[in-house]
Amino acid sequence: MPKQLTHSEILAAKPKAKPYKLADTDRLYVLIAVTGKKYWKWNYRLDGKDCTYSIGTFPDIKPAEARELRTAAAKLVAQGIHPAAHEADKIEQAKAEKATTFWAVTQEWIETKRTEVQPYSFKQIQSGMQRYIRDTPVGAKPIKAISTSDMYKLIRGIANRTERTGLERKSTGAHTVATNIRGWCNAVFRFAIHSGRADRNPVTDFKAGDVIKKPKVKNNLALTEAQLTELVAAVHSFTGQRKTAIAIELLLLTFVRTGELRCATWDEFDLEKALWTVPSERMKIKDVGDHLVPLAPRAVRLLQKLKTITDTSSKAPRWLFPNDRRDTEPMSATTINRALERMKFNGKGTIGFSAHGFRGTASTLLHEQGYAPEIIELQLAHQERNTVKAAYNKAQHIPERKKMMSDWANYIESLRKQAS
């Protein structure tokens, strides 16, 4: 009966002209190859056939460990299972588990958005989910193992942090980012449920307001006529980039949302007809069709000037306001507010007027000037609950809106002259 091999015996074994075996106990042995490599093998019989199981190499696997692995393999054989097949199943299972991690499913979902959203929005989704899912421990967890607590802590950490974790650009909470990440994660879990890789959606167990505590800010501050006069004068004498000054004035003349202007492309504009068509997919409210923006003569002239500055490439997308660092992206979301800071209208110690405030300013002053509320609301693209009525209104009120926008531009020009 063979005795158990010792480590020194195996180590001392030299290669020969042909492979040979060093026998251990229970049909376990070391195969010495002609190259000098040494392999642990075990012979067994299953289903009436002689079989060999390759355990591993020596000295990576020591004699005592090889015997333990042989014993575990013998238990599988007793159950009618080939040890190698069992290992292959484990590898496949590990691959399947890796393919159903939170990040793996997130990657698949991100790819579905590539053709569904604008390139800029796609890049936002991609970079945001990489930073907060791929590059964090939660991304490596199986998606079925993600708990409500995991998601709550993730979103709370983004929204209410007071220091950088190494992944953040700033030490204070990012409420808008937290809201976006929560919404995107919600969509990932729905995608996983539909594809059979998750049973429930832990994001739905809490609302954004449960964890994202936004500070009170003056985002919607509406300027008085006197303040607006000062702002018009400041824009007129702005010493920064010309395209930034044009962006500010266009916000004032169209009172669209900042993102709708920043991400606009030249193919949305018909300057001959003085009309801007904002595609529905770029609107905050996407289920009421494209948003038509009549352009006053002053707005058309500004766009014609801007065209000579920024419409210099035939490559799509042809941004109205290309990013100075990356022309494949639009103007940064912070550019206009930074310009307002330079003008002393935004920032610490000022009235706190942000780019979004142009909408409130126009709405307040136009109401005071007696324009019909429904015309003002249509121009602001506020949601009409009755979508049929909304479509009808958009079609029927273009003349009235054109007149209002022209009157508004003339009013702004009168303020500028008054300030000069």
Protein backbone atom coordinates (compact mmCIF):
# COMPACT_ATOMS: atom_id res chain seq x y z
CA MET A 1 0.00 0.00 0.00
CA PRO A 2 1.49 3.41 -0.99
CA LYS A 3 2.59 5.69 1.79
CA GLN A 4 1.84 9.38 1.85
CA LEU A 5 4.28 11.47 -0.13
CA THR A 6 6.28 14.13 1.67
CA HIS A 7 6.95 17.62 0.41
CA SER A 8 10.71 16.94 0.17
CA GLU A 9 10.16 13.72 -1.82
CA ILE A 10 8.08 15.50 -4.43
CA LEU A 11 10.48 18.43 -4.53
CA ALA A 12 13.42 16.10 -5.13
CA ALA A 13 11.78 14.21 -8.00
CA LYS A 14 13.57 14.87 -11.31
CA PRO A 15 12.10 14.72 -14.84
CA LYS A 16 12.82 11.70 -17.01
CA ALA A 17 12.58 10.90 -20.69
CA LYS A 18 8.92 9.99 -20.20
CA PRO A 19 6.27 11.23 -17.71
CA TYR A 20 6.02 9.12 -14.57
CA LYS A 21 3.95 8.97 -11.36
CA LEU A 22 4.69 9.25 -7.64
CA ALA A 23 1.88 7.44 -5.86
CA ASP A 24 0.21 8.83 -2.74
CA THR A 25 -2.79 7.23 -0.96
CA ASP A 26 -6.31 6.53 -2.26
CA ARG A 27 -5.31 6.68 -5.96
CA LEU A 28 -3.88 10.17 -5.52
CA TYR A 29 -0.54 10.75 -7.24
CA VAL A 30 1.86 13.33 -8.60
CA LEU A 31 2.58 13.23 -12.34
CA ILE A 32 6.12 14.36 -13.18
CA ALA A 33 6.17 15.76 -16.74
CA VAL A 34 9.25 15.68 -19.01
CA THR A 35 9.44 19.47 -18.57
CA GLY A 36 9.80 19.06 -14.80
CA LYS A 37 6.28 20.32 -14.05
CA LYS A 38 4.51 18.40 -11.27
CA TYR A 39 0.74 17.85 -11.29
CA TRP A 40 -1.59 16.46 -8.64
CA LYS A 41 -3.97 13.89 -10.16
CA TRP A 42 -6.63 11.55 -8.78
CA ASN A 43 -8.05 8.49 -10.51
CA TYR A 44 -11.66 7.53 -9.85
CA ARG A 45 -14.40 5.46 -11.43
CA LEU A 46 -17.89 6.76 -12.28
CA ASP A 47 -20.66 5.44 -14.53
CA GLY A 48 -18.57 2.35 -15.26
CA LYS A 49 -15.63 4.37 -16.60
CA ASP A 50 -12.16 5.16 -15.29
CA CYS A 51 -11.64 8.91 -14.98
CA THR A 52 -8.88 11.30 -13.92
CA TYR A 53 -9.36 14.53 -12.02
CA SER A 54 -6.64 17.22 -12.25
CA ILE A 55 -6.34 18.82 -8.84
CA GLY A 56 -3.56 21.35 -9.48
CA THR A 57 0.17 21.86 -9.54
CA PHE A 58 2.88 21.26 -6.94
CA PRO A 59 4.21 23.19 -5.03
CA ASP A 60 1.23 25.58 -5.38
CA ILE A 61 -0.83 22.85 -3.73
CA LYS A 62 0.88 21.19 -0.78
CA PRO A 63 0.42 17.45 -0.04
CA ALA A 64 -2.03 17.94 2.85
CA GLU A 65 -4.16 20.35 0.76
CA ALA A 66 -4.15 17.92 -2.19
CA ARG A 67 -5.51 15.17 0.06
CA GLU A 68 -8.27 17.47 1.33
CA LEU A 69 -9.24 18.32 -2.25
CA ARG A 70 -9.21 14.60 -3.15
CA THR A 71 -11.55 13.87 -0.21
CA ALA A 72 -13.95 16.66 -1.34
CA ALA A 73 -13.83 15.31 -4.91
CA ALA A 74 -14.58 11.77 -3.67
CA LYS A 75 -17.76 13.08 -1.99
CA LEU A 76 -18.92 14.53 -5.31
CA VAL A 77 -18.19 11.25 -7.10
CA ALA A 78 -20.23 9.43 -4.45
CA GLN A 79 -23.15 11.69 -5.50
CA GLY A 80 -22.60 10.82 -9.17
CA ILE A 81 -20.93 14.18 -9.98
CA HIS A 82 -17.69 14.60 -11.90
CA PRO A 83 -15.45 16.99 -9.92
CA ALA A 84 -14.29 18.83 -13.06
CA ALA A 85 -17.89 19.38 -14.16
CA HIS A 86 -18.70 20.70 -10.69
CA GLU A 87 -15.84 23.20 -10.97
CA ALA A 88 -17.02 24.27 -14.41
CA ASP A 89 -20.51 24.83 -13.02
CA LYS A 90 -19.05 26.96 -10.22
CA ILE A 91 -17.13 29.06 -12.75
CA GLU A 92 -20.26 29.57 -14.85
CA GLN A 93 -22.23 30.48 -11.74
CA ALA A 94 -19.58 33.01 -10.75
CA LYS A 95 -19.74 34.49 -14.26
CA ALA A 96 -23.53 34.68 -14.05
CA GLU A 97 -23.33 36.37 -10.65
CA LYS A 98 -20.81 38.87 -12.00
CA ALA A 99 -23.12 39.59 -14.92
CA THR A 100 -25.93 40.40 -12.49
CA THR A 101 -24.05 42.81 -10.25
CA PHE A 102 -25.64 46.21 -9.85
CA TRP A 103 -22.98 47.77 -12.07
CA ALA A 104 -23.23 45.09 -14.80
CA VAL A 105 -26.98 45.61 -15.11
CA THR A 106 -26.47 49.38 -14.94
CA GLN A 107 -24.06 49.18 -17.87
CA GLU A 108 -26.67 47.36 -19.94
CA TRP A 109 -29.31 49.96 -19.04
CA ILE A 110 -26.96 52.81 -19.92
CA GLU A 111 -26.48 51.34 -23.40
CA THR A 112 -30.24 51.35 -23.96
CA LYS A 113 -30.20 55.14 -23.40
CA ARG A 114 -27.50 55.76 -26.05
CA THR A 115 -30.07 56.13 -28.84
CA GLU A 116 -32.95 57.35 -26.67
CA VAL A 117 -31.52 60.62 -25.32
CA GLN A 118 -29.40 63.49 -26.59
CA PRO A 119 -25.59 62.88 -26.59
CA TYR A 120 -25.09 65.42 -23.81
CA SER A 121 -27.74 63.76 -21.62
CA PHE A 122 -26.26 60.33 -22.37
CA LYS A 123 -22.83 61.50 -21.22
CA GLN A 124 -24.36 62.88 -18.03
CA ILE A 125 -25.99 59.53 -17.29
CA GLN A 126 -22.84 57.60 -18.13
CA SER A 127 -20.43 59.71 -16.08
CA GLY A 128 -22.82 60.03 -13.13
CA MET A 129 -23.50 56.30 -12.88
CA GLN A 130 -19.81 55.48 -13.30
CA ARG A 131 -18.90 57.77 -10.42
CA TYR A 132 -21.61 56.70 -8.01
CA ILE A 133 -22.25 53.04 -8.97
CA ARG A 134 -19.22 51.61 -10.77
CA ASP A 135 -16.67 53.31 -8.54
CA THR A 136 -18.39 52.47 -5.23
CA PRO A 137 -18.81 49.17 -3.30
CA VAL A 138 -22.53 49.01 -4.04
CA GLY A 139 -21.78 48.50 -7.75
CA ALA A 140 -20.05 45.15 -7.10
CA LYS A 141 -22.99 43.69 -5.16
CA PRO A 142 -25.44 41.32 -6.88
CA ILE A 143 -28.43 43.41 -7.88
CA LYS A 144 -30.78 41.09 -5.99
CA ALA A 145 -28.78 41.78 -2.81
CA ILE A 146 -29.15 45.58 -3.02
CA SER A 147 -31.32 46.73 -0.13
CA THR A 148 -33.38 49.83 0.51
CA SER A 149 -30.75 50.77 3.09
CA ASP A 150 -27.99 50.56 0.46
CA MET A 151 -29.85 52.91 -1.86
CA TYR A 152 -30.94 55.28 0.90
CA LYS A 153 -27.35 55.64 2.14
CA LEU A 154 -26.05 56.15 -1.39
CA ILE A 155 -28.52 58.92 -2.24
CA ARG A 156 -28.22 60.55 1.19
CA GLY A 157 -24.42 60.56 0.87
CA ILE A 158 -24.62 62.41 -2.42
CA ALA A 159 -27.26 64.90 -1.29
CA ASN A 160 -26.14 65.73 2.22
CA ARG A 161 -22.37 65.17 2.37
CA THR A 162 -20.23 67.66 4.26
CA GLU A 163 -16.84 66.42 3.05
CA ARG A 164 -15.33 64.90 -0.06
CA THR A 165 -15.02 61.12 -0.28
CA GLY A 166 -12.44 61.20 -3.04
CA LEU A 167 -15.06 60.80 -5.76
CA GLU A 168 -16.66 64.21 -5.38
CA ARG A 169 -15.88 67.50 -7.05
CA LYS A 170 -16.95 69.49 -4.00
CA SER A 171 -17.45 68.88 -0.29
CA THR A 172 -21.03 70.10 -0.06
CA GLY A 173 -24.15 68.16 -0.97
CA ALA A 174 -25.26 67.93 -4.60
CA HIS A 175 -29.05 67.83 -4.49
CA THR A 176 -29.64 67.84 -8.23
CA VAL A 177 -27.10 65.04 -8.74
CA ALA A 178 -28.72 63.02 -5.96
CA THR A 179 -32.14 63.43 -7.57
CA ASN A 180 -30.75 62.34 -10.95
CA ILE A 181 -28.93 59.31 -9.52
CA ARG A 182 -32.05 58.20 -7.65
CA GLY A 183 -34.12 58.49 -10.84
CA TRP A 184 -31.55 56.61 -12.94
CA CYS A 185 -31.19 53.85 -10.32
CA ASN A 186 -34.98 53.53 -10.22
CA ALA A 187 -34.90 52.94 -13.99
CA VAL A 188 -32.08 50.37 -13.65
CA PHE A 189 -34.09 48.32 -11.16
CA ARG A 190 -37.16 48.42 -13.41
CA PHE A 191 -34.94 47.22 -16.28
CA ALA A 192 -33.58 44.40 -14.08
CA ILE A 193 -37.07 43.31 -13.03
CA HIS A 194 -38.27 43.22 -16.64
CA SER A 195 -35.25 41.09 -17.64
CA GLY A 196 -35.71 38.68 -14.72
CA ARG A 197 -32.59 39.66 -12.76
CA ALA A 198 -34.28 41.40 -9.85
CA ASP A 199 -37.46 40.73 -7.91
CA ARG A 200 -38.08 44.16 -6.45
CA ASN A 201 -37.11 47.82 -6.69
CA PRO A 202 -35.63 49.13 -3.40
CA VAL A 203 -35.57 52.71 -4.70
CA THR A 204 -39.37 52.91 -4.54
CA ASP A 205 -39.29 52.39 -0.77
CA PHE A 206 -38.38 56.03 -0.21
CA LYS A 207 -39.17 59.32 -1.93
CA ALA A 208 -36.57 61.83 -3.01
CA GLY A 209 -37.86 64.23 -0.37
CA ASP A 210 -37.23 61.67 2.38
CA VAL A 211 -33.49 61.99 1.93
CA ILE A 212 -32.77 65.02 -0.28
CA LYS A 213 -33.26 68.09 1.87
CA LYS A 214 -32.81 71.05 -0.43
CA PRO A 215 -31.84 74.35 1.18
CA LYS A 216 -34.08 77.30 0.54
CA VAL A 217 -32.60 79.33 -2.29
CA LYS A 218 -33.72 82.30 -4.36
CA ASN A 219 -33.54 80.49 -7.70
CA ASN A 220 -36.80 81.97 -8.88
CA LEU A 221 -36.19 85.50 -7.72
CA ALA A 222 -38.07 87.87 -10.01
CA LEU A 223 -36.36 91.19 -10.64
CA THR A 224 -38.15 94.46 -10.20
CA GLU A 225 -38.13 96.85 -13.14
CA ALA A 226 -35.35 98.85 -11.48
CA GLN A 227 -33.23 95.72 -10.92
CA LEU A 228 -33.92 94.54 -14.46
CA THR A 229 -32.75 97.91 -15.79
CA GLU A 230 -29.47 97.47 -13.91
CA LEU A 231 -29.06 93.96 -15.26
CA VAL A 232 -29.72 95.00 -18.87
CA ALA A 233 -27.05 97.68 -18.50
CA ALA A 234 -24.62 95.17 -16.97
CA VAL A 235 -25.14 92.73 -19.83
CA HIS A 236 -24.61 95.50 -22.37
CA SER A 237 -21.24 96.40 -20.78
CA PHE A 238 -20.18 92.80 -20.00
CA THR A 239 -16.46 92.32 -20.70
CA GLY A 240 -16.49 88.52 -20.79
CA GLN A 241 -17.02 86.33 -23.83
CA ARG A 242 -19.49 87.74 -26.35
CA LYS A 243 -21.32 84.42 -26.69
CA THR A 244 -21.95 84.38 -22.91
CA ALA A 245 -23.50 87.86 -23.05
CA ILE A 246 -25.64 86.71 -25.99
CA ALA A 247 -26.76 83.64 -24.01
CA ILE A 248 -27.86 85.85 -21.12
CA GLU A 249 -29.75 88.23 -23.40
CA LEU A 250 -31.44 85.32 -25.23
CA LEU A 251 -32.62 83.93 -21.89
CA LEU A 252 -34.06 87.34 -21.17
CA LEU A 253 -35.74 87.58 -24.60
CA THR A 254 -37.12 84.01 -24.76
CA PHE A 255 -37.35 83.00 -21.06
CA VAL A 256 -36.79 79.34 -21.90
CA ARG A 257 -35.19 77.08 -19.31
CA THR A 258 -31.41 77.42 -19.09
CA GLY A 259 -30.80 73.83 -20.23
CA GLU A 260 -33.08 74.30 -23.23
CA LEU A 261 -30.89 77.20 -24.39
CA ARG A 262 -27.48 75.70 -23.53
CA CYS A 263 -28.22 72.42 -25.33
CA ALA A 264 -29.84 74.02 -28.38
CA THR A 265 -28.47 73.19 -31.84
CA TRP A 266 -28.58 75.35 -34.95
CA ASP A 267 -30.90 72.99 -36.83
CA GLU A 268 -33.70 73.90 -34.36
CA PHE A 269 -33.82 77.51 -35.65
CA ASP A 270 -35.55 79.00 -38.65
CA LEU A 271 -34.26 82.56 -38.59
CA GLU A 272 -36.23 83.53 -41.70
CA LYS A 273 -39.48 82.61 -39.98
CA ALA A 274 -38.16 83.90 -36.62
CA LEU A 275 -39.09 80.63 -34.94
CA TRP A 276 -37.25 78.25 -32.64
CA THR A 277 -38.61 74.68 -32.32
CA VAL A 278 -37.40 72.98 -29.15
CA PRO A 279 -37.82 69.19 -29.60
CA SER A 280 -40.12 67.57 -27.06
CA GLU A 281 -37.36 65.23 -25.85
CA ARG A 282 -35.39 68.24 -24.63
CA MET A 283 -38.29 69.75 -22.75
CA LYS A 284 -38.95 69.31 -19.05
CA ILE A 285 -42.49 68.23 -19.96
CA LYS A 286 -42.08 65.74 -22.80
CA ASP A 287 -45.63 64.57 -23.48
CA VAL A 288 -47.09 67.69 -25.08
CA GLY A 289 -44.99 67.86 -28.25
CA ASP A 290 -42.35 70.30 -29.49
CA HIS A 291 -42.23 73.76 -27.93
CA LEU A 292 -42.43 76.69 -30.36
CA VAL A 293 -40.59 79.87 -29.38
CA PRO A 294 -41.37 82.99 -31.47
CA LEU A 295 -38.26 85.14 -31.86
CA ALA A 296 -38.38 88.91 -31.65
CA PRO A 297 -36.29 90.86 -34.22
CA ARG A 298 -33.68 91.59 -31.55
CA ALA A 299 -33.37 87.84 -30.78
CA VAL A 300 -32.93 87.06 -34.49
CA ARG A 301 -30.15 89.66 -34.79
CA LEU A 302 -28.38 88.18 -31.76
CA LEU A 303 -28.62 84.70 -33.26
CA GLN A 304 -27.24 85.94 -36.58
CA LYS A 305 -24.27 87.45 -34.72
CA LEU A 306 -23.84 84.27 -32.68
CA LYS A 307 -23.86 82.19 -35.86
CA THR A 308 -20.68 83.91 -37.04
CA ILE A 309 -19.02 83.07 -33.71
CA THR A 310 -20.06 79.49 -32.98
CA ASP A 311 -21.50 77.89 -36.12
CA THR A 312 -18.08 77.12 -37.56
CA SER A 313 -18.20 73.33 -37.78
CA SER A 314 -20.15 70.95 -40.00
CA LYS A 315 -19.87 68.20 -37.38
CA ALA A 316 -23.00 67.29 -35.42
CA PRO A 317 -24.15 68.35 -32.96
CA ARG A 318 -23.85 71.97 -34.09
CA TRP A 319 -24.28 73.56 -30.66
CA LEU A 320 -25.49 77.13 -30.34
CA PHE A 321 -23.08 77.42 -27.43
CA PRO A 322 -20.27 74.85 -27.74
CA ASN A 323 -18.15 74.14 -24.69
CA ASP A 324 -14.81 75.98 -24.81
CA ARG A 325 -12.89 72.91 -23.67
CA ARG A 326 -14.83 70.15 -25.45
CA ASP A 327 -16.67 71.19 -28.60
CA THR A 328 -18.56 67.88 -28.58
CA GLU A 329 -20.47 69.20 -25.55
CA PRO A 330 -22.55 72.33 -24.96
CA MET A 331 -21.78 75.24 -22.69
CA SER A 332 -21.32 74.29 -19.03
CA ALA A 333 -24.35 74.51 -16.76
CA THR A 334 -22.48 76.98 -14.53
CA THR A 335 -21.25 79.45 -17.17
CA ILE A 336 -24.22 81.83 -17.09
CA ASN A 337 -24.44 81.94 -13.30
CA ARG A 338 -20.67 82.62 -13.11
CA ALA A 339 -21.20 85.55 -15.49
CA LEU A 340 -24.03 86.82 -13.28
CA GLU A 341 -21.61 86.61 -10.35
CA ARG A 342 -19.14 88.79 -12.23
CA MET A 343 -21.96 91.29 -12.75
CA LYS A 344 -22.65 91.20 -8.97
CA PHE A 345 -26.18 89.81 -9.37
CA ASN A 346 -25.42 86.31 -8.06
CA GLY A 347 -23.26 84.95 -5.27
CA LYS A 348 -22.57 85.89 -1.68
CA GLY A 349 -23.67 89.37 -0.68
CA THR A 350 -25.87 89.89 -3.76
CA ILE A 351 -29.61 89.66 -4.43
CA GLY A 352 -29.06 86.01 -5.43
CA PHE A 353 -30.38 86.22 -8.97
CA SER A 354 -29.70 83.07 -11.02
CA ALA A 355 -30.24 82.20 -14.68
CA HIS A 356 -33.54 80.52 -13.83
CA GLY A 357 -34.83 83.84 -12.53
CA PHE A 358 -35.32 85.22 -16.05
CA ARG A 359 -38.46 83.13 -16.34
CA GLY A 360 -39.98 84.46 -13.13
CA THR A 361 -39.00 88.00 -14.04
CA ALA A 362 -40.69 87.82 -17.45
CA SER A 363 -43.77 86.14 -16.02
CA THR A 364 -44.20 88.72 -13.25
CA LEU A 365 -43.67 91.79 -15.42
CA LEU A 366 -45.79 90.52 -18.34
CA HIS A 367 -48.67 89.78 -15.97
CA GLU A 368 -48.33 93.29 -14.57
CA GLN A 369 -48.40 94.65 -18.13
CA GLY A 370 -51.74 92.96 -18.74
CA TYR A 371 -50.91 90.09 -21.11
CA ALA A 372 -53.25 87.11 -21.06
CA PRO A 373 -52.11 84.52 -18.47
CA GLU A 374 -52.60 81.59 -20.89
CA ILE A 375 -50.31 83.26 -23.46
CA ILE A 376 -47.62 83.81 -20.86
CA GLU A 377 -47.94 80.22 -19.59
CA LEU A 378 -47.67 78.83 -23.12
CA GLN A 379 -44.51 80.83 -23.70
CA LEU A 380 -43.08 79.48 -20.43
CA ALA A 381 -43.99 75.93 -21.59
CA HIS A 382 -45.79 75.20 -18.36
CA GLN A 383 -47.68 71.92 -18.49
CA GLU A 384 -51.27 71.92 -19.64
CA ARG A 385 -53.04 68.96 -18.05
CA ASN A 386 -55.35 68.54 -21.00
CA THR A 387 -52.84 67.62 -23.74
CA VAL A 388 -55.41 68.04 -26.51
CA LYS A 389 -56.12 71.54 -25.29
CA ALA A 390 -52.39 72.15 -25.02
CA ALA A 391 -51.79 71.20 -28.67
CA TYR A 392 -54.72 73.38 -29.74
CA ASN A 393 -53.43 76.33 -27.75
CA LYS A 394 -49.93 76.04 -29.20
CA ALA A 395 -51.34 76.04 -32.70
CA GLN A 396 -53.81 78.89 -32.11
CA HIS A 397 -51.78 81.34 -30.08
CA ILE A 398 -48.60 81.80 -32.13
CA PRO A 399 -49.67 85.26 -33.46
CA GLU A 400 -50.47 86.51 -29.95
CA ARG A 401 -47.21 85.09 -28.63
CA LYS A 402 -45.21 86.69 -31.45
CA LYS A 403 -46.67 90.08 -30.61
CA MET A 404 -46.02 89.60 -26.88
CA MET A 405 -42.38 88.58 -27.51
CA SER A 406 -41.82 91.53 -29.82
CA ASP A 407 -43.35 93.91 -27.28
CA TRP A 408 -41.22 92.36 -24.54
CA ALA A 409 -38.02 92.85 -26.59
CA ASN A 410 -38.97 96.50 -27.21
CA TYR A 411 -39.57 96.93 -23.48
CA ILE A 412 -36.10 95.50 -22.69
CA GLU A 413 -34.55 97.84 -25.27
CA SER A 414 -36.29 100.80 -23.64
CA LEU A 415 -34.77 99.82 -20.29
CA ARG A 416 -31.32 99.64 -21.89
CA LYS A 417 -31.69 103.13 -23.38
CA GLN A 418 -32.96 104.38 -20.05
CA ALA A 419 -29.85 103.06 -18.33
CA SER A 420 -27.37 104.48 -20.88
